[in-house]
């Protein structure tokens, strides 16, 4: 069974914008089945919102169709968690990121791949490594 990890929206956004970057490689490895990638519906919504924001669209010139195709393709090789998240309290310095950790706990993975400094400062929560 391959290693599994929650892939945070920060990684997904960077992978879309810079497919040859490290985040792009992470998504490619998930697509190849080298590890089992997990995202939640919240992470998909965050990724969609960021990529469809006027600021990123104006800066990078991508269109809505490309974003929707990226997200639809992501759903073919990543597990999408749509269930309730466990209440873990506030553990991150940005409480808006607690759902990422809760997703890892809900899907039973011990890893989160992220570029978010608010999450990275934790390094570990319970058995989950960031």
N, C-alpha and C. Protein backbone atom coordinates (compact mmCIF):
# COMPACT_ATOMS: atom_id res chain seq x y z
N UNK A 1 0.85 -1.18 0.00
CA UNK A 1 0.00 0.00 0.00
C UNK A 1 0.89 1.25 0.00
N UNK A 2 0.62 2.20 -0.88
CA UNK A 2 1.49 3.38 -0.96
C UNK A 2 1.29 4.30 0.24
N UNK A 3 2.27 5.11 0.47
CA UNK A 3 2.20 6.17 1.46
C UNK A 3 1.00 7.04 1.13
N UNK A 4 0.36 7.63 2.13
CA UNK A 4 -0.75 8.53 1.85
C UNK A 4 -0.54 9.86 2.56
N UNK A 5 -1.11 10.91 1.99
CA UNK A 5 -0.97 12.25 2.56
C UNK A 5 -2.12 13.14 2.10
N UNK A 6 -2.50 14.06 2.98
CA UNK A 6 -3.41 15.13 2.59
C UNK A 6 -2.56 16.16 1.85
N UNK A 7 -3.06 16.60 0.72
CA UNK A 7 -2.37 17.62 -0.08
C UNK A 7 -3.12 18.94 0.12
N UNK A 8 -2.45 19.91 0.70
CA UNK A 8 -3.07 21.18 1.04
C UNK A 8 -3.29 22.05 -0.20
N UNK A 9 -4.21 22.99 -0.07
CA UNK A 9 -4.54 23.90 -1.18
C UNK A 9 -3.32 24.69 -1.64
N UNK A 10 -2.42 25.04 -0.74
CA UNK A 10 -1.23 25.81 -1.14
C UNK A 10 -0.41 25.03 -2.16
N UNK A 11 -0.33 23.73 -1.99
CA UNK A 11 0.41 22.87 -2.92
C UNK A 11 -0.34 22.75 -4.23
N UNK A 12 -1.66 22.59 -4.15
CA UNK A 12 -2.47 22.44 -5.37
C UNK A 12 -2.44 23.70 -6.22
N UNK A 13 -2.54 24.85 -5.59
CA UNK A 13 -2.49 26.12 -6.33
C UNK A 13 -1.15 26.26 -7.02
N UNK A 14 -0.07 26.01 -6.29
CA UNK A 14 1.27 26.12 -6.88
C UNK A 14 1.48 25.10 -7.99
N UNK A 15 0.93 23.89 -7.82
CA UNK A 15 1.07 22.86 -8.85
C UNK A 15 0.37 23.27 -10.14
N UNK A 16 -0.78 23.91 -10.02
CA UNK A 16 -1.49 24.38 -11.20
C UNK A 16 -0.70 25.49 -11.89
N UNK A 17 -0.24 26.45 -11.11
CA UNK A 17 0.44 27.62 -11.69
C UNK A 17 1.84 27.29 -12.20
N UNK A 18 2.51 26.35 -11.52
CA UNK A 18 3.89 26.02 -11.86
C UNK A 18 4.04 24.49 -11.92
N UNK A 19 3.58 23.86 -12.99
CA UNK A 19 3.59 22.40 -13.07
C UNK A 19 4.97 21.76 -12.96
N UNK A 20 6.02 22.48 -13.26
CA UNK A 20 7.38 21.93 -13.18
C UNK A 20 8.04 22.17 -11.82
N UNK A 21 7.30 22.73 -10.88
CA UNK A 21 7.83 23.02 -9.54
C UNK A 21 7.74 21.78 -8.65
N UNK A 22 8.25 21.90 -7.43
CA UNK A 22 8.12 20.81 -6.46
C UNK A 22 6.64 20.48 -6.20
N UNK A 23 5.76 21.48 -5.98
CA UNK A 23 4.34 21.14 -5.84
C UNK A 23 3.79 20.43 -7.09
N UNK A 24 4.24 20.84 -8.26
CA UNK A 24 3.82 20.15 -9.48
C UNK A 24 4.26 18.70 -9.49
N UNK A 25 5.48 18.45 -9.00
CA UNK A 25 5.98 17.08 -8.90
C UNK A 25 5.15 16.27 -7.91
N UNK A 26 4.77 16.88 -6.81
CA UNK A 26 3.95 16.19 -5.80
C UNK A 26 2.64 15.74 -6.41
N UNK A 27 1.98 16.63 -7.15
CA UNK A 27 0.71 16.28 -7.79
C UNK A 27 0.95 15.20 -8.86
N UNK A 28 2.04 15.31 -9.59
CA UNK A 28 2.37 14.30 -10.59
C UNK A 28 2.57 12.93 -9.95
N UNK A 29 3.25 12.88 -8.81
CA UNK A 29 3.46 11.62 -8.10
C UNK A 29 2.14 11.01 -7.62
N UNK A 30 1.23 11.85 -7.18
CA UNK A 30 -0.10 11.36 -6.78
C UNK A 30 -0.82 10.80 -8.00
N UNK A 31 -0.74 11.51 -9.11
CA UNK A 31 -1.39 11.07 -10.36
C UNK A 31 -0.82 9.72 -10.81
N UNK A 32 0.46 9.50 -10.60
CA UNK A 32 1.11 8.25 -10.98
C UNK A 32 0.86 7.13 -9.97
N UNK A 33 0.19 7.45 -8.86
CA UNK A 33 -0.08 6.45 -7.84
C UNK A 33 1.11 6.17 -6.94
N UNK A 34 2.09 7.05 -6.95
CA UNK A 34 3.28 6.86 -6.10
C UNK A 34 2.95 7.08 -4.63
N UNK A 35 1.90 7.84 -4.35
CA UNK A 35 1.34 7.95 -3.01
C UNK A 35 -0.14 8.24 -3.16
N UNK A 36 -0.89 7.92 -2.14
CA UNK A 36 -2.34 8.15 -2.16
C UNK A 36 -2.60 9.56 -1.66
N UNK A 37 -3.07 10.41 -2.56
CA UNK A 37 -3.36 11.80 -2.20
C UNK A 37 -4.79 11.93 -1.70
N UNK A 38 -4.95 12.75 -0.66
CA UNK A 38 -6.28 13.02 -0.10
C UNK A 38 -6.50 14.52 -0.07
N UNK A 39 -7.69 14.93 -0.41
CA UNK A 39 -8.12 16.31 -0.24
C UNK A 39 -9.54 16.28 0.29
N UNK A 40 -9.95 17.37 0.88
CA UNK A 40 -11.34 17.48 1.35
C UNK A 40 -12.09 18.40 0.41
N UNK A 41 -13.39 18.41 0.56
CA UNK A 41 -14.19 19.34 -0.24
C UNK A 41 -13.81 20.78 0.11
N UNK A 42 -13.42 21.01 1.35
CA UNK A 42 -12.99 22.36 1.75
C UNK A 42 -11.71 22.74 1.00
N UNK A 43 -10.76 21.82 0.92
CA UNK A 43 -9.51 22.11 0.20
C UNK A 43 -9.76 22.34 -1.28
N UNK A 44 -10.69 21.58 -1.87
CA UNK A 44 -11.04 21.81 -3.27
C UNK A 44 -11.65 23.20 -3.46
N UNK A 45 -12.53 23.59 -2.54
CA UNK A 45 -13.14 24.93 -2.62
C UNK A 45 -12.10 26.03 -2.46
N UNK A 46 -11.15 25.84 -1.53
CA UNK A 46 -10.08 26.83 -1.35
C UNK A 46 -9.23 26.95 -2.61
N UNK A 47 -8.90 25.82 -3.21
CA UNK A 47 -8.08 25.81 -4.42
C UNK A 47 -8.82 26.50 -5.56
N UNK A 48 -10.08 26.14 -5.75
CA UNK A 48 -10.90 26.76 -6.79
C UNK A 48 -10.98 28.26 -6.59
N UNK A 49 -11.27 28.68 -5.35
CA UNK A 49 -11.39 30.11 -5.05
C UNK A 49 -10.11 30.88 -5.33
N UNK A 50 -8.99 30.30 -4.92
CA UNK A 50 -7.71 30.98 -5.14
C UNK A 50 -7.39 31.09 -6.62
N UNK A 51 -7.55 29.98 -7.34
CA UNK A 51 -7.20 29.98 -8.76
C UNK A 51 -8.15 30.82 -9.61
N UNK A 52 -9.39 30.97 -9.16
CA UNK A 52 -10.35 31.78 -9.92
C UNK A 52 -10.39 33.23 -9.45
N UNK A 53 -9.57 33.57 -8.46
CA UNK A 53 -9.53 34.96 -7.99
C UNK A 53 -9.02 35.86 -9.11
N UNK A 54 -9.53 37.06 -9.13
CA UNK A 54 -9.10 38.02 -10.16
C UNK A 54 -7.60 38.27 -10.09
N UNK A 55 -7.06 38.31 -8.87
CA UNK A 55 -5.63 38.59 -8.71
C UNK A 55 -4.78 37.54 -9.40
N UNK A 56 -5.06 36.25 -9.15
CA UNK A 56 -4.24 35.21 -9.79
C UNK A 56 -4.53 35.09 -11.28
N UNK A 57 -5.79 35.23 -11.66
CA UNK A 57 -6.11 35.14 -13.09
C UNK A 57 -5.45 36.27 -13.87
N UNK A 58 -5.44 37.46 -13.30
CA UNK A 58 -4.79 38.59 -13.97
C UNK A 58 -3.27 38.42 -14.01
N UNK A 59 -2.71 37.86 -12.95
CA UNK A 59 -1.25 37.69 -12.88
C UNK A 59 -0.74 36.58 -13.78
N UNK A 60 -1.51 35.48 -13.89
CA UNK A 60 -1.01 34.30 -14.60
C UNK A 60 -1.74 34.01 -15.91
N UNK A 61 -2.87 34.65 -16.14
CA UNK A 61 -3.54 34.54 -17.43
C UNK A 61 -4.27 33.25 -17.70
N UNK A 62 -4.54 32.45 -16.70
CA UNK A 62 -5.28 31.21 -16.93
C UNK A 62 -6.78 31.50 -16.95
N UNK A 63 -7.51 30.57 -17.55
CA UNK A 63 -8.96 30.78 -17.63
C UNK A 63 -9.70 29.79 -16.73
N UNK A 64 -10.97 30.06 -16.55
CA UNK A 64 -11.80 29.26 -15.67
C UNK A 64 -11.85 27.80 -16.11
N UNK A 65 -11.93 27.57 -17.40
CA UNK A 65 -12.01 26.20 -17.91
C UNK A 65 -10.78 25.38 -17.52
N UNK A 66 -9.61 25.97 -17.59
CA UNK A 66 -8.38 25.26 -17.22
C UNK A 66 -8.41 24.89 -15.73
N UNK A 67 -8.91 25.77 -14.89
CA UNK A 67 -9.01 25.50 -13.45
C UNK A 67 -9.98 24.35 -13.21
N UNK A 68 -11.15 24.42 -13.85
CA UNK A 68 -12.15 23.37 -13.65
C UNK A 68 -11.66 22.01 -14.14
N UNK A 69 -10.91 22.00 -15.23
CA UNK A 69 -10.32 20.75 -15.72
C UNK A 69 -9.28 20.20 -14.75
N UNK A 70 -8.45 21.07 -14.21
CA UNK A 70 -7.45 20.66 -13.22
C UNK A 70 -8.12 20.02 -12.02
N UNK A 71 -9.18 20.66 -11.51
CA UNK A 71 -9.87 20.13 -10.34
C UNK A 71 -10.60 18.83 -10.65
N UNK A 72 -11.22 18.74 -11.81
CA UNK A 72 -11.91 17.50 -12.19
C UNK A 72 -10.91 16.37 -12.35
N UNK A 73 -9.77 16.65 -12.93
CA UNK A 73 -8.72 15.65 -13.10
C UNK A 73 -8.19 15.21 -11.73
N UNK A 74 -8.03 16.16 -10.83
CA UNK A 74 -7.56 15.86 -9.48
C UNK A 74 -8.47 14.83 -8.80
N UNK A 75 -9.75 14.95 -9.04
CA UNK A 75 -10.71 14.03 -8.43
C UNK A 75 -10.61 12.62 -8.98
N UNK A 76 -9.89 12.42 -10.08
CA UNK A 76 -9.73 11.07 -10.63
C UNK A 76 -8.59 10.31 -9.98
N UNK A 77 -7.65 11.01 -9.34
CA UNK A 77 -6.52 10.31 -8.74
C UNK A 77 -6.29 10.65 -7.27
N UNK A 78 -7.08 11.51 -6.70
CA UNK A 78 -7.01 11.79 -5.27
C UNK A 78 -8.34 11.40 -4.64
N UNK A 79 -8.27 10.94 -3.42
CA UNK A 79 -9.47 10.63 -2.66
C UNK A 79 -10.03 11.95 -2.13
N UNK A 80 -11.32 12.17 -2.34
CA UNK A 80 -11.97 13.40 -1.88
C UNK A 80 -12.78 13.07 -0.63
N UNK A 81 -12.41 13.65 0.49
CA UNK A 81 -13.14 13.43 1.73
C UNK A 81 -14.24 14.47 1.85
N UNK A 82 -15.49 14.00 1.93
CA UNK A 82 -16.64 14.90 1.99
C UNK A 82 -17.42 14.77 3.30
N UNK A 83 -16.92 13.96 4.20
CA UNK A 83 -17.64 13.71 5.45
C UNK A 83 -17.38 14.77 6.50
N UNK A 84 -17.96 14.55 7.67
CA UNK A 84 -17.73 15.50 8.78
C UNK A 84 -16.29 15.40 9.27
N UNK A 85 -15.78 16.51 9.72
CA UNK A 85 -14.42 16.55 10.24
C UNK A 85 -14.45 16.44 11.76
N UNK A 86 -13.49 15.73 12.34
CA UNK A 86 -13.46 15.64 13.80
C UNK A 86 -13.13 17.00 14.41
N UNK A 87 -13.66 17.23 15.59
CA UNK A 87 -13.37 18.47 16.31
C UNK A 87 -12.01 18.30 16.99
N UNK A 88 -11.04 19.05 16.53
CA UNK A 88 -9.70 18.96 17.12
C UNK A 88 -9.38 20.21 17.94
N UNK A 89 -10.34 21.12 18.03
CA UNK A 89 -10.08 22.38 18.71
C UNK A 89 -9.21 23.27 17.84
N UNK A 90 -8.73 24.36 18.43
CA UNK A 90 -7.83 25.24 17.68
C UNK A 90 -6.40 24.81 17.97
N UNK A 91 -5.73 24.32 16.93
CA UNK A 91 -4.36 23.85 17.10
C UNK A 91 -3.36 24.64 16.27
N UNK A 92 -3.83 25.30 15.25
CA UNK A 92 -2.96 26.05 14.34
C UNK A 92 -3.03 27.53 14.69
N UNK A 93 -1.95 28.25 14.46
CA UNK A 93 -1.98 29.69 14.75
C UNK A 93 -2.99 30.43 13.87
N UNK A 94 -3.32 29.84 12.71
CA UNK A 94 -4.42 30.33 11.89
C UNK A 94 -5.54 29.30 11.99
N UNK A 95 -6.59 29.60 12.78
CA UNK A 95 -7.65 28.62 12.98
C UNK A 95 -8.34 28.21 11.67
N UNK A 96 -8.19 28.99 10.63
CA UNK A 96 -8.75 28.65 9.33
C UNK A 96 -8.04 27.47 8.68
N UNK A 97 -6.92 27.05 9.24
CA UNK A 97 -6.17 25.91 8.71
C UNK A 97 -6.39 24.62 9.49
N UNK A 98 -7.11 24.69 10.59
CA UNK A 98 -7.34 23.49 11.40
C UNK A 98 -8.03 22.38 10.61
N UNK A 99 -8.84 22.75 9.62
CA UNK A 99 -9.55 21.73 8.83
C UNK A 99 -8.58 20.82 8.07
N UNK A 100 -7.40 21.31 7.75
CA UNK A 100 -6.42 20.49 7.03
C UNK A 100 -5.95 19.35 7.94
N UNK A 101 -5.65 19.68 9.17
CA UNK A 101 -5.23 18.67 10.13
C UNK A 101 -6.38 17.71 10.42
N UNK A 102 -7.58 18.26 10.59
CA UNK A 102 -8.74 17.42 10.85
C UNK A 102 -9.00 16.46 9.70
N UNK A 103 -8.74 16.89 8.48
CA UNK A 103 -8.90 16.00 7.32
C UNK A 103 -7.94 14.83 7.40
N UNK A 104 -6.69 15.11 7.77
CA UNK A 104 -5.71 14.02 7.90
C UNK A 104 -6.16 13.01 8.94
N UNK A 105 -6.67 13.49 10.04
CA UNK A 105 -7.16 12.59 11.08
C UNK A 105 -8.36 11.80 10.58
N UNK A 106 -9.27 12.48 9.88
CA UNK A 106 -10.49 11.82 9.39
C UNK A 106 -10.18 10.71 8.38
N UNK A 107 -9.19 10.92 7.51
CA UNK A 107 -8.88 9.90 6.49
C UNK A 107 -7.84 8.90 6.98
N UNK A 108 -7.27 9.14 8.15
CA UNK A 108 -6.34 8.18 8.73
C UNK A 108 -4.94 8.22 8.15
N UNK A 109 -4.54 9.37 7.65
CA UNK A 109 -3.16 9.48 7.16
C UNK A 109 -2.31 10.18 8.20
N UNK A 110 -1.03 9.94 8.13
CA UNK A 110 -0.11 10.53 9.09
C UNK A 110 0.69 11.69 8.52
N UNK A 111 0.36 12.11 7.28
CA UNK A 111 1.15 13.15 6.63
C UNK A 111 0.27 14.21 5.97
N UNK A 112 0.77 15.43 6.01
CA UNK A 112 0.17 16.55 5.29
C UNK A 112 1.29 17.19 4.49
N UNK A 113 1.05 17.40 3.19
CA UNK A 113 2.01 18.10 2.34
C UNK A 113 1.47 19.51 2.17
N UNK A 114 2.24 20.48 2.63
CA UNK A 114 1.79 21.87 2.61
C UNK A 114 2.97 22.81 2.44
N UNK A 115 2.68 23.99 1.98
CA UNK A 115 3.65 25.07 1.95
C UNK A 115 3.22 26.20 2.87
N UNK A 116 2.12 26.00 3.58
CA UNK A 116 1.53 27.02 4.46
C UNK A 116 2.34 27.12 5.75
N UNK A 117 2.92 28.29 5.98
CA UNK A 117 3.79 28.48 7.14
C UNK A 117 3.03 28.32 8.46
N UNK A 118 1.74 28.68 8.47
CA UNK A 118 0.96 28.51 9.69
C UNK A 118 0.84 27.05 10.07
N UNK A 119 0.76 26.17 9.09
CA UNK A 119 0.73 24.74 9.36
C UNK A 119 2.13 24.19 9.62
N UNK A 120 3.09 24.63 8.85
CA UNK A 120 4.45 24.10 8.97
C UNK A 120 5.08 24.38 10.33
N UNK A 121 4.69 25.48 10.98
CA UNK A 121 5.26 25.77 12.30
C UNK A 121 4.89 24.71 13.33
N UNK A 122 3.80 23.99 13.10
CA UNK A 122 3.41 22.92 14.02
C UNK A 122 4.36 21.73 13.94
N UNK A 123 4.77 21.40 12.73
CA UNK A 123 5.63 20.23 12.44
C UNK A 123 4.92 18.90 12.71
N UNK A 124 4.14 18.84 13.78
CA UNK A 124 3.44 17.60 14.13
C UNK A 124 2.22 17.96 14.99
N UNK A 125 1.15 17.20 14.78
CA UNK A 125 -0.01 17.25 15.67
C UNK A 125 -0.46 15.82 15.89
N UNK A 126 -0.42 15.39 17.12
CA UNK A 126 -0.67 13.99 17.45
C UNK A 126 0.25 13.14 16.58
N UNK A 127 -0.32 12.21 15.78
CA UNK A 127 0.51 11.36 14.94
C UNK A 127 0.71 11.91 13.53
N UNK A 128 0.16 13.10 13.25
CA UNK A 128 0.22 13.68 11.91
C UNK A 128 1.44 14.58 11.80
N UNK A 129 2.26 14.31 10.77
CA UNK A 129 3.44 15.13 10.49
C UNK A 129 3.15 16.07 9.32
N UNK A 130 3.65 17.28 9.43
CA UNK A 130 3.44 18.27 8.39
C UNK A 130 4.76 18.56 7.70
